Structure formats: C-alpha cells, structure tokens
Amino acid sequence: MKTAILYFVTALLFLGCANGQNKADNNDFATLPKPAANEAVATFGGGCFWSMQEAMSELKGVNKVISGYAGGKTKNPTYQDVSSRTTNHAEVTQIYYDPEKISYATLAEAFLFAHDPTTLNRQGPDVGTDYRSIAFYRNDAEKNTLINVIKKVNESKHYNNPVVTQVVPFSAFYPAENYHQGYYRTNSDNPYISSVSEPKVMKFRKAMKAELKPEFQK
C-alpha cells in the first residue's frame, strides 16, 4: 500500500502544473484587457492558476479572469522564468468583475475557498514560492477587507490551520501565455486536471454555491 501511495504522489509531482506547457507557444502571451467602465479589477494567487482561473470565473458578477504572474520584480516573465523561482513572481489570476453584482469581500472569501491558504509556498503537489498564497490590494479599503476576511475565515475554523496568505500592495500584473488561458476547460484529459484541479473546483462550488452563476449551481 505504501508503495502504491508513493507511486501516486510521484506521478502527481511529474504531472504537476509545471508540466502542462506547450513549448511551441512559450512566447505567445495573452493580451491584457482594459477594464470596462463598470468593471473593477482584483488580483489573487493561490497555487496553479488553472483551477483558480476556473473557480473565480464561475462566480456571478465576474466577467473574465486572466491567468498571469505578479509579486516579483522581473518584467514580462515567461512561464519558465517564473518556474525557475528566480523572479519572485507567483502564478496569479486577474479578475474583472462588476462591483454592483459581487463585492470585493465576496471575491476575497471565494479566493480563500478556491485553494488551501494555510500551506506555505505549497498547493498539493506544487511546491515553491511561485505557488504561494498571495492577495494584492489596490487601496486601503481593499487591504482592510482582506485582513477582515482572513480573520473571518480563521475564526470560522473552515481550515484546521491558520491562513498564511500574503497581503501585499499591487504593483504589476503580467498575463501568462495563451495556452494557460482557460486550460482547465480545454484539457480535461490532463491527469493533473482530473486528479488535482477538478477536486479543488468541486470543493469551491460547494463552499460558494450561493454566489455561483446558475450553470454551476447544479
């Protein structure tokens, strides 16, 4: 039994988020959208952005979600740059939403339920600072909201351990390569998606059911 478990864990490590790349598209970056007049923008990082992008896009009031990189100093990093852990960037998602339909506080809570914010520099088989839990604020109101939401989640005992999410000021967001955008939906046959990403999305739907778009409330 121990041998089987070890084999399974090793397989997941090999099939981790970093192994879903399409090398033919490495330099083909997604276009960074400009927010519409009625849109606000939020940026969160919670491990591999494949499941995070899917989870946050299922919320009512969220118009689009872009996978990318933030938190470091290197400009226009590639996936390989970030994976090398020399840029200090994390895999993140940038969310374009209608604040009249969903609040920043609800987004922050959803973000905390879309991954495990209690594991330092790790999400399941993905280990490293590029997979750290990190939330960016653009003003003092958002900073206070993040602190209060984290306190609320800690007090709820939803998790056995305290939240270790970094709360930092927003500086810059760099969109990831096109092949990462919507990866969850277009690569359902990827073993990592079915074994790691999908269970996270299913748990997210259960935790945030009332805030989901109708098609995801089933």
Protein backbone atom coordinates (compact mmCIF):
# COMPACT_ATOMS: atom_id res chain seq x y z
CA MET A 1 0.00 0.00 0.00
CA LYS A 2 2.78 2.45 0.92
CA THR A 3 4.47 1.72 -2.42
CA ALA A 4 1.25 2.46 -4.29
CA ILE A 5 0.75 5.74 -2.44
CA LEU A 6 4.35 6.79 -3.12
CA TYR A 7 3.91 5.98 -6.80
CA PHE A 8 0.72 8.04 -6.96
CA VAL A 9 2.34 11.06 -5.27
CA THR A 10 5.38 10.81 -7.54
CA ALA A 11 3.13 10.66 -10.59
CA LEU A 12 1.27 13.79 -9.49
CA LEU A 13 4.55 15.61 -8.99
CA PHE A 14 5.61 14.70 -12.52
CA LEU A 15 2.23 15.72 -13.86
CA GLY A 16 2.14 18.93 -11.85
CA CYS A 17 1.15 22.35 -13.04
CA ALA A 18 4.63 23.00 -14.47
CA ASN A 19 4.33 20.04 -16.84
CA GLY A 20 1.29 21.22 -18.80
CA GLN A 21 3.22 23.55 -21.04
CA ASN A 22 3.12 23.62 -24.79
CA LYS A 23 6.64 24.63 -25.75
CA ALA A 24 5.54 25.68 -29.22
CA ASP A 25 3.60 28.55 -27.64
CA ASN A 26 6.05 29.69 -24.96
CA ASN A 27 6.31 33.28 -26.22
CA ASP A 28 2.68 33.70 -27.25
CA PHE A 29 1.36 35.86 -24.39
CA ALA A 30 -2.27 36.65 -23.74
CA THR A 31 -3.49 40.20 -24.26
CA LEU A 32 -4.14 42.19 -21.09
CA PRO A 33 -7.71 43.51 -21.25
CA LYS A 34 -8.59 47.04 -20.21
CA PRO A 35 -11.36 47.14 -17.61
CA ALA A 36 -14.71 48.36 -18.89
CA ALA A 37 -16.35 51.43 -17.38
CA ASN A 38 -18.42 49.30 -14.99
CA GLU A 39 -15.63 46.88 -14.07
CA ALA A 40 -13.24 46.69 -11.13
CA VAL A 41 -10.12 44.52 -11.03
CA ALA A 42 -8.77 42.18 -8.36
CA THR A 43 -5.63 40.04 -8.34
CA PHE A 44 -5.11 36.84 -6.33
CA GLY A 45 -2.65 33.96 -6.38
CA GLY A 46 -3.43 30.54 -4.95
CA GLY A 47 -1.18 27.91 -6.48
CA CYS A 48 -1.52 26.65 -10.04
CA PHE A 49 -3.66 29.17 -11.87
CA TRP A 50 -5.53 26.55 -13.91
CA SER A 51 -8.06 25.73 -11.19
CA MET A 52 -8.06 29.25 -9.71
CA GLN A 53 -8.99 30.78 -13.06
CA GLU A 54 -11.84 28.32 -13.48
CA ALA A 55 -13.16 28.76 -9.93
CA MET A 56 -13.20 32.56 -9.95
CA SER A 57 -14.75 32.69 -13.44
CA GLU A 58 -17.76 30.72 -12.14
CA LEU A 59 -18.82 33.50 -9.75
CA LYS A 60 -21.80 35.75 -10.50
CA GLY A 61 -20.59 39.21 -11.45
CA VAL A 62 -17.21 38.03 -12.74
CA ASN A 63 -16.84 38.88 -16.42
CA LYS A 64 -13.41 37.50 -17.22
CA VAL A 65 -10.36 36.05 -15.50
CA ILE A 66 -6.81 36.15 -16.89
CA SER A 67 -4.00 33.90 -15.69
CA GLY A 68 -0.65 35.57 -15.21
CA TYR A 69 2.22 36.48 -12.93
CA ALA A 70 2.68 39.05 -10.16
CA GLY A 71 4.53 39.69 -6.93
CA GLY A 72 8.07 39.84 -8.30
CA LYS A 73 10.32 42.37 -9.99
CA THR A 74 11.04 40.79 -13.38
CA LYS A 75 9.14 42.45 -16.23
CA ASN A 76 7.26 40.31 -18.75
CA PRO A 77 8.38 36.95 -17.33
CA THR A 78 7.81 33.69 -19.16
CA TYR A 79 6.37 30.59 -17.53
CA GLN A 80 9.86 29.11 -17.49
CA ASP A 81 11.22 32.25 -15.76
CA VAL A 82 8.60 32.05 -13.02
CA SER A 83 9.01 28.28 -12.62
CA SER A 84 12.76 28.79 -12.08
CA ARG A 85 11.87 30.76 -8.90
CA THR A 86 14.37 33.50 -9.75
CA THR A 87 11.73 36.21 -10.38
CA ASN A 88 9.80 36.02 -7.07
CA HIS A 89 6.60 36.11 -9.12
CA ALA A 90 3.67 33.86 -8.22
CA GLU A 91 1.11 32.30 -10.51
CA VAL A 92 -1.95 34.54 -10.13
CA THR A 93 -5.29 35.38 -11.68
CA GLN A 94 -6.57 38.85 -12.51
CA ILE A 95 -10.33 39.15 -12.15
CA TYR A 96 -12.52 41.66 -13.98
CA TYR A 97 -15.82 42.00 -12.16
CA ASP A 98 -18.93 44.13 -11.76
CA PRO A 99 -18.87 45.56 -8.20
CA GLU A 100 -22.64 46.06 -8.38
CA LYS A 101 -23.09 42.29 -8.69
CA ILE A 102 -20.29 40.97 -6.49
CA SER A 103 -18.30 42.68 -3.76
CA TYR A 104 -14.56 42.65 -3.26
CA ALA A 105 -15.17 40.96 0.11
CA THR A 106 -17.03 38.10 -1.58
CA LEU A 107 -14.24 37.74 -4.13
CA ALA A 108 -11.68 37.60 -1.32
CA GLU A 109 -13.66 34.94 0.51
CA ALA A 110 -14.09 32.94 -2.70
CA PHE A 111 -10.35 33.16 -3.31
CA LEU A 112 -9.64 31.68 0.12
CA PHE A 113 -12.03 28.80 -0.61
CA ALA A 114 -10.60 28.16 -4.09
CA HIS A 115 -7.33 26.82 -2.67
CA ASP A 116 -5.73 25.92 0.64
CA PRO A 117 -4.46 29.25 2.06
CA THR A 118 -2.91 27.53 5.09
CA THR A 119 0.02 25.84 3.33
CA LEU A 120 3.13 28.00 2.97
CA ASN A 121 4.59 28.06 -0.55
CA ARG A 122 2.70 24.94 -1.50
CA GLN A 123 -0.53 23.72 -3.07
CA GLY A 124 -0.82 19.94 -3.13
CA PRO A 125 1.95 18.52 -5.34
CA ASP A 126 3.11 22.01 -6.40
CA VAL A 127 5.87 23.33 -4.15
CA GLY A 128 7.70 26.66 -4.31
CA THR A 129 7.24 30.40 -3.87
CA ASP A 130 5.61 30.62 -7.30
CA TYR A 131 2.70 28.64 -5.81
CA ARG A 132 2.34 30.77 -2.69
CA SER A 133 -0.98 32.13 -1.49
CA ILE A 134 -0.97 35.88 -2.12
CA ALA A 135 -3.61 38.62 -2.29
CA PHE A 136 -2.98 42.07 -3.74
CA TYR A 137 -4.76 45.25 -2.67
CA ARG A 138 -5.04 48.45 -4.68
CA ASN A 139 -6.13 50.76 -1.86
CA ASP A 140 -6.54 50.83 1.92
CA ALA A 141 -10.16 49.71 1.72
CA GLU A 142 -9.17 46.52 -0.09
CA LYS A 143 -6.32 45.93 2.37
CA ASN A 144 -8.70 46.21 5.32
CA THR A 145 -11.20 43.95 3.57
CA LEU A 146 -8.57 41.26 3.03
CA ILE A 147 -7.47 41.41 6.68
CA ASN A 148 -11.07 41.17 7.88
CA VAL A 149 -11.98 38.33 5.53
CA ILE A 150 -8.91 36.34 6.58
CA LYS A 151 -9.86 36.91 10.22
CA LYS A 152 -13.40 35.73 9.47
CA VAL A 153 -12.17 32.55 7.77
CA ASN A 154 -9.75 31.84 10.62
CA GLU A 155 -12.50 32.28 13.22
CA SER A 156 -14.87 30.04 11.24
CA LYS A 157 -12.44 27.11 11.63
CA HIS A 158 -13.10 26.22 7.99
CA TYR A 159 -9.47 25.15 7.94
CA ASN A 160 -7.63 23.35 10.73
CA ASN A 161 -4.65 25.69 10.44
CA PRO A 162 -4.41 29.50 10.19
CA VAL A 163 -4.35 31.30 6.86
CA VAL A 164 -0.81 32.22 5.72
CA THR A 165 -1.82 34.27 2.66
CA GLN A 166 0.46 37.22 1.93
CA VAL A 167 -1.40 40.54 1.77
CA VAL A 168 0.64 42.97 -0.33
CA PRO A 169 0.13 46.14 -2.40
CA PHE A 170 -0.47 45.62 -6.10
CA SER A 171 2.37 46.64 -8.39
CA ALA A 172 2.10 44.96 -11.77
CA PHE A 173 0.41 42.04 -13.47
CA TYR A 174 1.84 40.20 -16.47
CA PRO A 175 -0.51 37.97 -18.48
CA ALA A 176 0.62 34.38 -18.94
CA GLU A 177 0.99 32.61 -22.25
CA ASN A 178 -2.17 31.92 -24.26
CA TYR A 179 -2.03 28.17 -23.70
CA HIS A 180 -2.60 28.74 -19.95
CA GLN A 181 -5.80 30.71 -20.50
CA GLY A 182 -8.85 28.52 -19.90
CA TYR A 183 -6.56 25.50 -19.54
CA TYR A 184 -8.94 23.76 -17.11
CA ARG A 185 -11.76 23.55 -19.64
CA THR A 186 -9.69 22.66 -22.69
CA ASN A 187 -7.50 20.00 -21.07
CA SER A 188 -9.89 17.84 -19.07
CA ASP A 189 -7.94 14.75 -20.16
CA ASN A 190 -4.79 16.00 -18.40
CA PRO A 191 -4.23 13.75 -15.33
CA TYR A 192 -3.27 16.78 -13.25
CA ILE A 193 -6.57 18.47 -14.06
CA SER A 194 -8.65 15.42 -13.14
CA SER A 195 -6.62 14.49 -10.05
CA VAL A 196 -5.72 17.89 -8.58
CA SER A 197 -7.58 20.77 -10.22
CA GLU A 198 -11.05 19.29 -10.53
CA PRO A 199 -11.36 18.27 -6.85
CA LYS A 200 -10.40 21.84 -5.87
CA VAL A 201 -13.07 23.30 -8.15
CA MET A 202 -15.68 20.87 -6.80
CA LYS A 203 -14.89 21.89 -3.20
CA PHE A 204 -15.05 25.54 -4.24
CA ARG A 205 -18.50 25.08 -5.77
CA LYS A 206 -19.76 23.53 -2.55
CA ALA A 207 -18.37 26.37 -0.42
CA MET A 208 -19.57 29.20 -2.71
CA LYS A 209 -22.75 27.69 -4.18
CA ALA A 210 -24.94 30.72 -3.49
CA GLU A 211 -22.52 33.00 -5.35
CA LEU A 212 -22.11 30.86 -8.47
CA LYS A 213 -23.56 31.53 -11.88
CA PRO A 214 -26.70 29.37 -12.41
CA GLU A 215 -25.00 26.83 -14.68
CA PHE A 216 -22.53 25.93 -11.92
CA GLN A 217 -25.05 25.57 -9.08
CA LYS A 218 -26.08 22.06 -10.03
